[in-house]
N, C-alpha and C. Protein backbone atom coordinates (compact mmCIF):
# COMPACT_ATOMS: atom_id res chain seq x y z
N PRO A 1 29.56 0.44 -16.03
CA PRO A 1 28.99 0.15 -14.74
C PRO A 1 27.71 0.35 -15.84
N ASP A 2 26.77 -0.70 -14.46
CA ASP A 2 25.33 -1.05 -14.93
C ASP A 2 24.64 0.56 -14.73
N PHE A 3 24.33 1.63 -15.15
CA PHE A 3 23.75 3.14 -14.62
C PHE A 3 22.44 2.68 -14.46
N GLU A 4 21.65 1.95 -14.89
CA GLU A 4 20.26 1.53 -14.75
C GLU A 4 20.25 0.76 -13.30
N LEU A 5 21.04 -0.04 -13.05
CA LEU A 5 21.02 -0.16 -11.21
C LEU A 5 21.38 0.51 -10.50
N GLU A 6 22.23 1.49 -10.77
CA GLU A 6 22.56 2.54 -9.76
C GLU A 6 21.80 3.76 -9.46
N ARG A 7 20.96 3.62 -10.48
CA ARG A 7 19.93 4.48 -9.95
C ARG A 7 18.67 4.23 -8.88
N LYS A 8 18.51 2.90 -9.36
CA LYS A 8 17.60 2.08 -8.19
C LYS A 8 17.79 2.37 -6.51
N LYS A 9 16.28 3.20 -6.00
CA LYS A 9 16.76 3.24 -5.17
C LYS A 9 15.55 2.34 -3.84
N VAL A 10 16.01 2.16 -2.84
CA VAL A 10 14.92 1.53 -2.08
C VAL A 10 14.19 2.68 -0.86
N ARG A 11 12.68 2.04 -1.01
CA ARG A 11 11.66 3.26 -0.59
C ARG A 11 11.14 2.69 -0.02
N GLU A 12 11.52 3.09 1.86
CA GLU A 12 10.66 2.15 2.85
C GLU A 12 9.29 3.20 3.21
N ILE A 13 8.15 2.41 3.06
CA ILE A 13 6.86 2.63 3.14
C ILE A 13 6.16 2.40 4.12
N SER A 14 5.26 2.75 5.09
CA SER A 14 4.85 2.50 6.47
C SER A 14 3.27 2.59 6.14
N LEU A 15 2.38 1.23 6.14
CA LEU A 15 0.45 1.74 6.05
C LEU A 15 -0.14 1.11 7.27
N ASN A 16 -0.39 1.75 7.70
CA ASN A 16 -1.69 1.50 8.22
C ASN A 16 -3.43 1.62 8.17
N LEU A 17 -3.84 -0.04 8.32
CA LEU A 17 -4.77 0.12 7.81
C LEU A 17 -5.69 0.18 8.83
N PHE A 18 -6.90 1.38 9.20
CA PHE A 18 -7.84 0.86 10.28
C PHE A 18 -9.40 1.70 10.45
N PRO A 19 -10.09 0.96 11.04
CA PRO A 19 -11.52 2.08 10.78
C PRO A 19 -11.33 3.16 11.44
N LEU A 20 -12.53 3.83 10.39
CA LEU A 20 -12.44 4.97 11.19
C LEU A 20 -13.82 5.90 10.84
N LYS A 21 -14.47 6.89 11.58
CA LYS A 21 -15.66 7.64 10.80
C LYS A 21 -15.04 8.51 10.77
N ILE A 22 -15.78 8.66 8.98
CA ILE A 22 -15.44 10.06 8.53
C ILE A 22 -16.11 10.86 7.52
N GLN A 23 -16.42 12.13 7.85
CA GLN A 23 -17.47 12.84 7.48
C GLN A 23 -17.34 12.93 6.32
N ILE A 24 -18.47 12.70 5.05
CA ILE A 24 -18.29 13.04 3.73
C ILE A 24 -19.53 13.87 3.48
N ALA A 25 -20.38 14.44 4.21
CA ALA A 25 -21.12 15.55 4.22
C ALA A 25 -21.57 15.95 5.40
N ARG A 26 -21.87 17.32 5.37
CA ARG A 26 -22.57 18.28 6.56
C ARG A 26 -23.48 17.06 7.33
N SER A 27 -23.18 16.56 9.01
CA SER A 27 -23.66 15.95 9.58
C SER A 27 -23.90 13.99 9.03
N ILE A 28 -23.05 13.58 7.84
CA ILE A 28 -23.16 12.47 7.57
C ILE A 28 -21.73 11.74 8.06
N LEU A 29 -21.58 10.87 8.85
CA LEU A 29 -20.10 10.19 8.98
C LEU A 29 -20.81 8.71 8.28
N PHE A 30 -19.47 8.37 7.80
CA PHE A 30 -19.28 6.90 7.15
C PHE A 30 -18.40 6.40 7.87
N ASP A 31 -18.62 4.64 8.28
CA ASP A 31 -17.65 4.12 8.54
C ASP A 31 -16.58 3.10 7.30
N ALA A 32 -15.53 3.89 7.29
CA ALA A 32 -14.04 3.59 6.60
C ALA A 32 -13.20 3.00 6.98
N TRP A 33 -12.78 2.26 6.11
CA TRP A 33 -11.46 1.32 6.14
C TRP A 33 -10.69 2.63 5.21
N THR A 34 -9.69 3.20 6.38
CA THR A 34 -8.80 4.40 6.04
C THR A 34 -7.13 3.72 5.49
N PHE A 35 -6.20 4.16 4.98
CA PHE A 35 -5.12 4.00 5.21
C PHE A 35 -4.22 5.40 6.22
N GLU A 36 -3.84 5.02 7.22
CA GLU A 36 -3.33 6.64 7.83
C GLU A 36 -4.52 7.74 8.22
N GLY A 37 -5.41 6.37 8.16
CA GLY A 37 -6.78 8.02 8.63
C GLY A 37 -7.28 8.90 7.13
N PHE A 38 -6.65 8.12 6.41
CA PHE A 38 -7.37 9.27 5.22
C PHE A 38 -8.23 7.48 4.04
N VAL A 39 -8.66 8.46 3.41
CA VAL A 39 -9.35 7.77 2.03
C VAL A 39 -9.48 8.53 1.10
N PRO A 40 -8.73 7.87 -0.04
CA PRO A 40 -8.18 7.48 0.08
C PRO A 40 -7.03 8.04 1.00
N GLY A 41 -5.82 6.82 0.75
CA GLY A 41 -4.55 6.65 1.56
C GLY A 41 -3.70 7.32 0.54
N PRO A 42 -2.49 7.07 1.21
CA PRO A 42 -1.17 8.79 0.86
C PRO A 42 -0.90 7.95 -0.52
N ILE A 43 0.00 8.89 -1.47
CA ILE A 43 -0.07 8.87 -2.81
C ILE A 43 1.91 7.95 -2.53
N PHE A 44 2.40 7.18 -3.07
CA PHE A 44 3.89 6.94 -2.92
C PHE A 44 4.50 7.22 -4.45
N ARG A 45 5.23 7.88 -4.52
CA ARG A 45 5.69 8.29 -5.74
C ARG A 45 7.49 7.20 -5.96
N ALA A 46 7.74 6.91 -6.77
CA ALA A 46 8.78 6.34 -7.38
C ALA A 46 8.83 5.85 -9.10
N LYS A 47 10.34 5.90 -9.60
CA LYS A 47 11.11 5.85 -10.13
C LYS A 47 10.79 4.11 -10.88
N LEU A 48 10.84 4.19 -11.97
CA LEU A 48 10.56 2.67 -12.37
C LEU A 48 12.44 2.35 -11.81
N GLY A 49 11.70 0.66 -11.93
CA GLY A 49 12.88 0.18 -10.63
C GLY A 49 13.22 0.23 -9.98
N ASP A 50 13.01 1.28 -8.92
CA ASP A 50 12.57 1.20 -7.66
C ASP A 50 12.02 0.55 -6.98
N ILE A 51 12.73 -0.43 -5.58
CA ILE A 51 12.44 -1.40 -4.97
C ILE A 51 11.25 -0.01 -4.13
N LEU A 52 10.20 -1.01 -3.83
CA LEU A 52 9.29 -0.22 -2.55
C LEU A 52 9.33 -1.41 -1.42
N LYS A 53 9.61 -1.64 -0.35
CA LYS A 53 9.31 -2.47 0.80
C LYS A 53 8.22 -1.35 1.36
N ILE A 54 7.35 -2.06 1.44
CA ILE A 54 5.73 -1.88 2.27
C ILE A 54 5.81 -2.77 3.37
N HIS A 55 5.64 -1.75 4.63
CA HIS A 55 5.84 -2.47 5.98
C HIS A 55 3.75 -2.05 6.14
N PHE A 56 2.98 -3.50 6.09
CA PHE A 56 1.78 -2.89 6.39
C PHE A 56 1.08 -3.30 7.58
N GLN A 57 0.62 -2.57 8.34
CA GLN A 57 -0.13 -2.64 9.48
C GLN A 57 -1.73 -2.52 9.33
N ASN A 58 -2.19 -4.27 9.71
CA ASN A 58 -3.58 -4.57 9.43
C ASN A 58 -4.47 -3.70 11.44
N SER A 59 -4.79 -2.72 11.39
CA SER A 59 -5.04 -2.44 12.67
C SER A 59 -6.31 -2.43 12.47
N SER A 60 -7.91 -3.40 12.34
CA SER A 60 -8.91 -3.93 12.10
C SER A 60 -9.18 -4.99 13.01
N PRO A 61 -10.59 -5.29 13.35
CA PRO A 61 -10.62 -6.51 13.23
C PRO A 61 -11.28 -7.62 12.42
N GLU A 62 -11.09 -7.13 11.09
CA GLU A 62 -11.11 -7.92 9.70
C GLU A 62 -9.81 -8.36 9.22
N PRO A 63 -9.83 -9.15 8.45
CA PRO A 63 -8.82 -9.62 7.35
C PRO A 63 -8.88 -8.54 6.58
N HIS A 64 -7.67 -7.85 5.99
CA HIS A 64 -7.50 -7.20 4.56
C HIS A 64 -6.27 -7.29 3.77
N SER A 65 -6.17 -7.11 2.50
CA SER A 65 -4.86 -7.77 1.77
C SER A 65 -4.41 -5.82 1.55
N LEU A 66 -3.21 -5.57 0.56
CA LEU A 66 -2.71 -4.75 -0.02
C LEU A 66 -2.51 -5.20 -1.52
N HIS A 67 -3.26 -5.07 -2.54
CA HIS A 67 -3.22 -5.45 -3.61
C HIS A 67 -2.67 -4.46 -4.23
N PHE A 68 -1.75 -4.51 -4.84
CA PHE A 68 -1.09 -3.46 -5.86
C PHE A 68 -1.26 -4.30 -7.18
N HIS A 69 -1.85 -2.89 -8.02
CA HIS A 69 -2.23 -3.15 -9.29
C HIS A 69 -0.80 -2.63 -10.24
N GLY A 70 -0.30 -3.91 -11.05
CA GLY A 70 0.53 -3.87 -12.13
C GLY A 70 1.31 -5.03 -12.74
N THR A 71 2.53 -5.40 -12.73
CA THR A 71 2.32 -6.43 -12.99
C THR A 71 3.69 -6.69 -11.78
N HIS A 72 3.81 -7.76 -10.78
CA HIS A 72 4.36 -8.27 -9.84
C HIS A 72 4.51 -8.98 -9.29
N ASP A 73 5.63 -9.91 -8.64
CA ASP A 73 5.74 -11.41 -8.02
C ASP A 73 4.13 -11.83 -7.97
N PRO A 74 3.60 -12.75 -8.16
CA PRO A 74 2.26 -13.12 -7.44
C PRO A 74 2.52 -13.18 -5.65
N GLY A 75 3.47 -13.50 -5.33
CA GLY A 75 3.63 -13.98 -4.07
C GLY A 75 3.60 -12.60 -3.57
N GLN A 76 3.92 -11.18 -3.75
CA GLN A 76 3.33 -9.81 -2.92
C GLN A 76 2.77 -9.01 -3.29
N ASP A 77 1.93 -9.39 -4.26
CA ASP A 77 0.62 -8.74 -4.84
C ASP A 77 -0.05 -8.83 -4.05
N GLY A 78 -0.40 -8.83 -2.66
CA GLY A 78 -1.52 -8.95 -1.90
C GLY A 78 -3.13 -9.93 -2.18
N TRP A 79 -2.74 -10.88 -2.41
CA TRP A 79 -3.75 -12.23 -2.70
C TRP A 79 -4.18 -12.56 -1.58
N GLU A 80 -3.39 -13.02 -1.14
CA GLU A 80 -3.78 -13.46 0.88
C GLU A 80 -4.14 -12.38 1.77
N PRO A 81 -5.18 -12.31 2.53
CA PRO A 81 -5.45 -11.26 3.63
C PRO A 81 -5.01 -11.55 4.96
N VAL A 82 -4.21 -10.51 5.05
CA VAL A 82 -3.25 -9.95 6.11
C VAL A 82 -4.46 -10.07 7.32
N VAL A 83 -4.64 -11.14 8.66
CA VAL A 83 -5.34 -11.35 9.38
C VAL A 83 -5.67 -10.13 10.78
N ALA A 84 -6.44 -9.99 10.95
CA ALA A 84 -7.07 -9.01 11.77
C ALA A 84 -5.59 -8.31 13.08
N PHE A 85 -5.59 -7.31 12.94
CA PHE A 85 -4.64 -6.86 14.08
C PHE A 85 -3.03 -7.14 13.31
N GLY A 86 -3.29 -8.32 12.39
CA GLY A 86 -1.71 -8.26 11.82
C GLY A 86 -1.40 -7.72 10.93
N ASN A 87 0.31 -8.12 10.55
CA ASN A 87 1.05 -7.30 9.24
C ASN A 87 2.09 -8.13 8.52
N ARG A 88 1.98 -7.47 7.37
CA ARG A 88 3.40 -8.33 6.42
C ARG A 88 4.10 -7.26 5.86
N ASP A 89 4.91 -7.82 5.48
CA ASP A 89 5.64 -6.72 4.59
C ASP A 89 5.76 -7.50 3.26
N TYR A 90 5.23 -6.14 1.91
CA TYR A 90 5.74 -6.52 0.53
C TYR A 90 6.72 -5.62 0.16
N GLU A 91 7.46 -6.44 -0.86
CA GLU A 91 8.29 -5.69 -1.58
C GLU A 91 8.15 -6.22 -2.99
N ILE A 92 8.32 -5.14 -3.48
CA ILE A 92 7.80 -5.02 -5.23
C ILE A 92 8.95 -3.79 -5.38
N GLN A 93 9.17 -4.20 -7.05
CA GLN A 93 10.11 -3.34 -8.35
C GLN A 93 8.88 -2.21 -8.81
N ALA A 94 8.89 -1.47 -8.84
CA ALA A 94 8.57 -0.09 -9.04
C ALA A 94 8.23 -0.65 -10.87
N GLY A 95 6.71 -0.37 -11.24
CA GLY A 95 7.10 -0.37 -12.99
C GLY A 95 5.36 -1.78 -13.15
N PRO A 96 5.24 -1.90 -14.04
CA PRO A 96 5.45 -0.44 -15.45
C PRO A 96 5.24 0.80 -15.26
N VAL A 97 5.73 1.74 -15.97
CA VAL A 97 5.27 3.54 -15.73
C VAL A 97 4.12 3.71 -15.77
N GLY A 98 3.79 4.29 -14.89
CA GLY A 98 2.05 4.47 -14.60
C GLY A 98 1.31 5.13 -13.60
N ILE A 99 0.36 5.13 -13.04
CA ILE A 99 -0.63 4.96 -11.82
C ILE A 99 -0.94 3.56 -11.52
N HIS A 100 -0.49 3.43 -10.14
CA HIS A 100 -0.78 1.81 -9.39
C HIS A 100 -1.91 1.99 -8.94
N PRO A 101 -2.85 1.99 -8.45
CA PRO A 101 -4.09 2.18 -7.41
C PRO A 101 -3.56 0.85 -6.07
N TYR A 102 -4.12 1.08 -5.40
CA TYR A 102 -4.00 -0.04 -3.95
C TYR A 102 -5.36 -0.36 -2.81
């Protein structure tokens, strides 16, 4: 058997982008694009080779994209914006090893 293939997992992730006023200092609010209401957004952990299925919801009145830094299929790498209040599913394979901001 191919042990590398057996270790791969599919990880389903939902991510909602929406604008929100966040407090950045005492009495100072900032209009931010948040992921799940946070800046920065959540951390996704995966092992090399895992498949990440990201369900992205753009709950904003402006188009946004979700770009994954790393080496991925260009069709799945967030170059095309998601329309206002639209959604898109991305599927990428985890790798190379390291930190990949989005």
